[in-house]
Amino acid sequence: MSTSHWIERSEFARSGQVDNRTRVLALRVRTGSGTECAYCHKPIGAETVEHEVDAMVFAGLRVLHFHRICQHLWESTAG
């Protein structure tokens, strides 16, 4: 049985949870709080938009903070 065939038939594929790296559970958008961005590691200032993401990653459930563009970059590389 090929790998792709096994993935298509797995419980994860049927549940829509095929992503091996991360799964976003919730996203909140707010004014920057000064927290360090999980992607670029720079502070998210009050003059910018902060994306707060609840994500299931290898280490477990985490709350991650991103600049708007950093969150989009992170999502594009998270799969």
N, C-alpha and C. Protein backbone atom coordinates (compact mmCIF):
# COMPACT_ATOMS: atom_id res chain seq x y z
N MET A 1 0.86 -1.18 0.00
CA MET A 1 0.00 0.00 0.00
C MET A 1 0.90 1.24 0.00
N SER A 2 0.66 2.16 -0.89
CA SER A 2 1.49 3.37 -0.96
C SER A 2 1.19 4.29 0.23
N THR A 3 2.15 5.16 0.54
CA THR A 3 1.99 6.09 1.67
C THR A 3 0.80 7.00 1.47
N SER A 4 0.64 7.57 0.27
CA SER A 4 -0.48 8.49 0.04
C SER A 4 -1.82 7.77 0.19
N HIS A 5 -1.89 6.52 -0.23
CA HIS A 5 -3.13 5.77 -0.09
C HIS A 5 -3.44 5.54 1.39
N TRP A 6 -2.42 5.19 2.18
CA TRP A 6 -2.61 4.99 3.61
C TRP A 6 -3.11 6.28 4.28
N ILE A 7 -2.52 7.43 3.92
CA ILE A 7 -2.93 8.71 4.50
C ILE A 7 -4.39 9.02 4.15
N GLU A 8 -4.76 8.78 2.92
CA GLU A 8 -6.13 9.05 2.50
C GLU A 8 -7.14 8.21 3.28
N ARG A 9 -6.76 7.03 3.72
CA ARG A 9 -7.68 6.14 4.41
C ARG A 9 -7.59 6.25 5.93
N SER A 10 -6.66 7.05 6.44
CA SER A 10 -6.46 7.12 7.88
C SER A 10 -7.56 7.90 8.58
N GLU A 11 -7.66 7.73 9.89
CA GLU A 11 -8.61 8.48 10.69
C GLU A 11 -8.33 9.98 10.61
N PHE A 12 -7.04 10.34 10.56
CA PHE A 12 -6.69 11.75 10.47
C PHE A 12 -7.20 12.37 9.19
N ALA A 13 -7.09 11.68 8.08
CA ALA A 13 -7.58 12.20 6.81
C ALA A 13 -9.09 12.39 6.84
N ARG A 14 -9.79 11.42 7.42
CA ARG A 14 -11.25 11.53 7.48
C ARG A 14 -11.67 12.69 8.39
N SER A 15 -10.87 13.00 9.41
CA SER A 15 -11.24 14.07 10.33
C SER A 15 -10.74 15.43 9.86
N GLY A 16 -9.95 15.47 8.75
CA GLY A 16 -9.41 16.73 8.26
C GLY A 16 -8.18 17.18 9.02
N GLN A 17 -7.51 16.30 9.77
CA GLN A 17 -6.35 16.65 10.58
C GLN A 17 -5.09 15.99 10.04
N VAL A 18 -4.82 16.14 8.76
CA VAL A 18 -3.69 15.50 8.13
C VAL A 18 -2.39 16.24 8.44
N ASP A 19 -2.45 17.51 8.73
CA ASP A 19 -1.27 18.33 8.97
C ASP A 19 -0.39 17.71 10.05
N ASN A 20 0.85 17.42 9.74
CA ASN A 20 1.74 16.76 10.67
C ASN A 20 2.44 17.72 11.62
N ARG A 21 2.38 19.02 11.38
CA ARG A 21 3.17 19.95 12.18
C ARG A 21 2.33 20.76 13.15
N THR A 22 1.20 21.27 12.72
CA THR A 22 0.43 22.16 13.59
C THR A 22 -1.04 22.16 13.19
N ARG A 23 -1.86 22.50 14.15
CA ARG A 23 -3.29 22.64 13.88
C ARG A 23 -3.78 23.85 14.66
N VAL A 24 -4.29 24.86 13.96
CA VAL A 24 -4.80 26.08 14.60
C VAL A 24 -6.18 25.78 15.15
N LEU A 25 -6.36 26.06 16.44
CA LEU A 25 -7.64 25.83 17.10
C LEU A 25 -8.46 27.10 17.24
N ALA A 26 -7.77 28.24 17.41
CA ALA A 26 -8.47 29.53 17.56
C ALA A 26 -7.53 30.65 17.15
N LEU A 27 -8.11 31.75 16.69
CA LEU A 27 -7.34 32.93 16.31
C LEU A 27 -8.06 34.17 16.82
N ARG A 28 -7.32 35.02 17.53
CA ARG A 28 -7.86 36.29 18.01
C ARG A 28 -6.99 37.41 17.47
N VAL A 29 -7.61 38.50 17.07
CA VAL A 29 -6.90 39.66 16.55
C VAL A 29 -7.13 40.82 17.50
N ARG A 30 -6.04 41.51 17.86
CA ARG A 30 -6.15 42.61 18.81
C ARG A 30 -5.01 43.60 18.60
N THR A 31 -5.03 44.66 19.35
CA THR A 31 -3.94 45.63 19.35
C THR A 31 -2.72 44.98 19.98
N GLY A 32 -1.54 45.28 19.42
CA GLY A 32 -0.30 44.71 19.92
C GLY A 32 -0.11 44.92 21.41
N SER A 33 0.42 43.91 22.09
CA SER A 33 0.56 43.95 23.54
C SER A 33 2.02 44.07 23.99
N GLY A 34 2.95 44.14 23.02
CA GLY A 34 4.36 44.19 23.37
C GLY A 34 4.99 42.82 23.51
N THR A 35 4.19 41.76 23.34
CA THR A 35 4.67 40.38 23.42
C THR A 35 5.59 40.09 22.24
N GLU A 36 6.54 39.18 22.44
CA GLU A 36 7.46 38.79 21.37
C GLU A 36 6.73 37.94 20.33
N CYS A 37 6.96 38.25 19.06
CA CYS A 37 6.38 37.48 17.96
C CYS A 37 7.04 36.10 17.90
N ALA A 38 6.23 35.07 17.77
CA ALA A 38 6.74 33.69 17.72
C ALA A 38 7.47 33.39 16.42
N TYR A 39 7.32 34.25 15.42
CA TYR A 39 7.96 34.02 14.12
C TYR A 39 9.24 34.82 13.96
N CYS A 40 9.18 36.12 14.19
CA CYS A 40 10.36 36.97 13.97
C CYS A 40 11.07 37.36 15.27
N HIS A 41 10.45 37.08 16.40
CA HIS A 41 11.01 37.32 17.74
C HIS A 41 11.20 38.79 18.08
N LYS A 42 10.50 39.67 17.38
CA LYS A 42 10.51 41.10 17.71
C LYS A 42 9.23 41.43 18.47
N PRO A 43 9.24 42.48 19.31
CA PRO A 43 8.04 42.85 20.06
C PRO A 43 6.90 43.27 19.12
N ILE A 44 5.68 42.97 19.52
CA ILE A 44 4.49 43.38 18.77
C ILE A 44 3.96 44.63 19.44
N GLY A 45 4.31 45.78 18.90
CA GLY A 45 3.97 47.07 19.51
C GLY A 45 2.50 47.42 19.42
N ALA A 46 2.09 48.37 20.25
CA ALA A 46 0.69 48.81 20.32
C ALA A 46 0.22 49.46 19.01
N GLU A 47 1.17 49.89 18.18
CA GLU A 47 0.81 50.53 16.91
C GLU A 47 0.52 49.51 15.81
N THR A 48 0.66 48.21 16.11
CA THR A 48 0.44 47.16 15.11
C THR A 48 -0.66 46.21 15.58
N VAL A 49 -1.06 45.33 14.68
CA VAL A 49 -2.08 44.33 14.96
C VAL A 49 -1.38 43.05 15.42
N GLU A 50 -1.90 42.44 16.47
CA GLU A 50 -1.36 41.18 16.99
C GLU A 50 -2.35 40.05 16.73
N HIS A 51 -1.84 38.95 16.19
CA HIS A 51 -2.65 37.74 16.01
C HIS A 51 -2.25 36.77 17.11
N GLU A 52 -3.21 36.40 17.93
CA GLU A 52 -2.97 35.42 19.00
C GLU A 52 -3.61 34.11 18.56
N VAL A 53 -2.79 33.06 18.48
CA VAL A 53 -3.22 31.79 17.91
C VAL A 53 -3.11 30.69 18.96
N ASP A 54 -4.19 29.95 19.16
CA ASP A 54 -4.14 28.72 19.95
C ASP A 54 -3.84 27.61 18.95
N ALA A 55 -2.71 26.93 19.11
CA ALA A 55 -2.31 25.92 18.14
C ALA A 55 -1.84 24.66 18.84
N MET A 56 -2.15 23.53 18.23
CA MET A 56 -1.64 22.25 18.67
C MET A 56 -0.39 21.99 17.84
N VAL A 57 0.75 21.98 18.50
CA VAL A 57 2.04 21.74 17.85
C VAL A 57 2.68 20.51 18.48
N PHE A 58 3.86 20.11 18.00
CA PHE A 58 4.53 18.92 18.55
C PHE A 58 4.63 18.97 20.07
N ALA A 59 4.87 20.15 20.62
CA ALA A 59 5.04 20.30 22.07
C ALA A 59 3.72 20.32 22.83
N GLY A 60 2.59 20.28 22.12
CA GLY A 60 1.28 20.32 22.76
C GLY A 60 0.55 21.61 22.43
N LEU A 61 -0.48 21.92 23.19
CA LEU A 61 -1.26 23.13 22.97
C LEU A 61 -0.45 24.35 23.40
N ARG A 62 -0.33 25.33 22.51
CA ARG A 62 0.41 26.55 22.80
C ARG A 62 -0.38 27.77 22.33
N VAL A 63 -0.19 28.88 23.03
CA VAL A 63 -0.73 30.17 22.60
C VAL A 63 0.45 30.92 22.00
N LEU A 64 0.34 31.23 20.71
CA LEU A 64 1.40 31.90 19.98
C LEU A 64 0.95 33.30 19.59
N HIS A 65 1.88 34.24 19.59
CA HIS A 65 1.59 35.64 19.24
C HIS A 65 2.39 36.00 18.01
N PHE A 66 1.73 36.67 17.05
CA PHE A 66 2.37 37.02 15.79
C PHE A 66 2.01 38.43 15.35
N HIS A 67 2.92 39.06 14.58
CA HIS A 67 2.52 40.21 13.76
C HIS A 67 1.61 39.63 12.68
N ARG A 68 0.78 40.46 12.07
CA ARG A 68 -0.15 39.97 11.05
C ARG A 68 0.58 39.24 9.93
N ILE A 69 1.60 39.86 9.36
CA ILE A 69 2.32 39.23 8.25
C ILE A 69 3.08 37.99 8.71
N CYS A 70 3.62 38.01 9.91
CA CYS A 70 4.35 36.85 10.43
C CYS A 70 3.42 35.65 10.61
N GLN A 71 2.19 35.89 11.03
CA GLN A 71 1.23 34.80 11.18
C GLN A 71 0.94 34.16 9.83
N HIS A 72 0.81 34.98 8.79
CA HIS A 72 0.56 34.44 7.45
C HIS A 72 1.78 33.65 6.95
N LEU A 73 2.98 34.15 7.21
CA LEU A 73 4.20 33.44 6.82
C LEU A 73 4.31 32.12 7.58
N TRP A 74 4.02 32.13 8.88
CA TRP A 74 4.07 30.93 9.70
C TRP A 74 3.08 29.88 9.17
N GLU A 75 1.85 30.32 8.85
CA GLU A 75 0.85 29.38 8.33
C GLU A 75 1.30 28.76 7.01
N SER A 76 1.96 29.55 6.17
CA SER A 76 2.38 29.04 4.86
C SER A 76 3.51 28.01 4.97
N THR A 77 4.24 28.01 6.09
CA THR A 77 5.33 27.06 6.27
C THR A 77 5.00 25.99 7.31
N ALA A 78 3.83 26.04 7.92
CA ALA A 78 3.49 25.15 9.02
C ALA A 78 3.01 23.77 8.56
N GLY A 79 2.79 23.55 7.29
CA GLY A 79 2.23 22.29 6.86
C GLY A 79 3.20 21.25 6.47
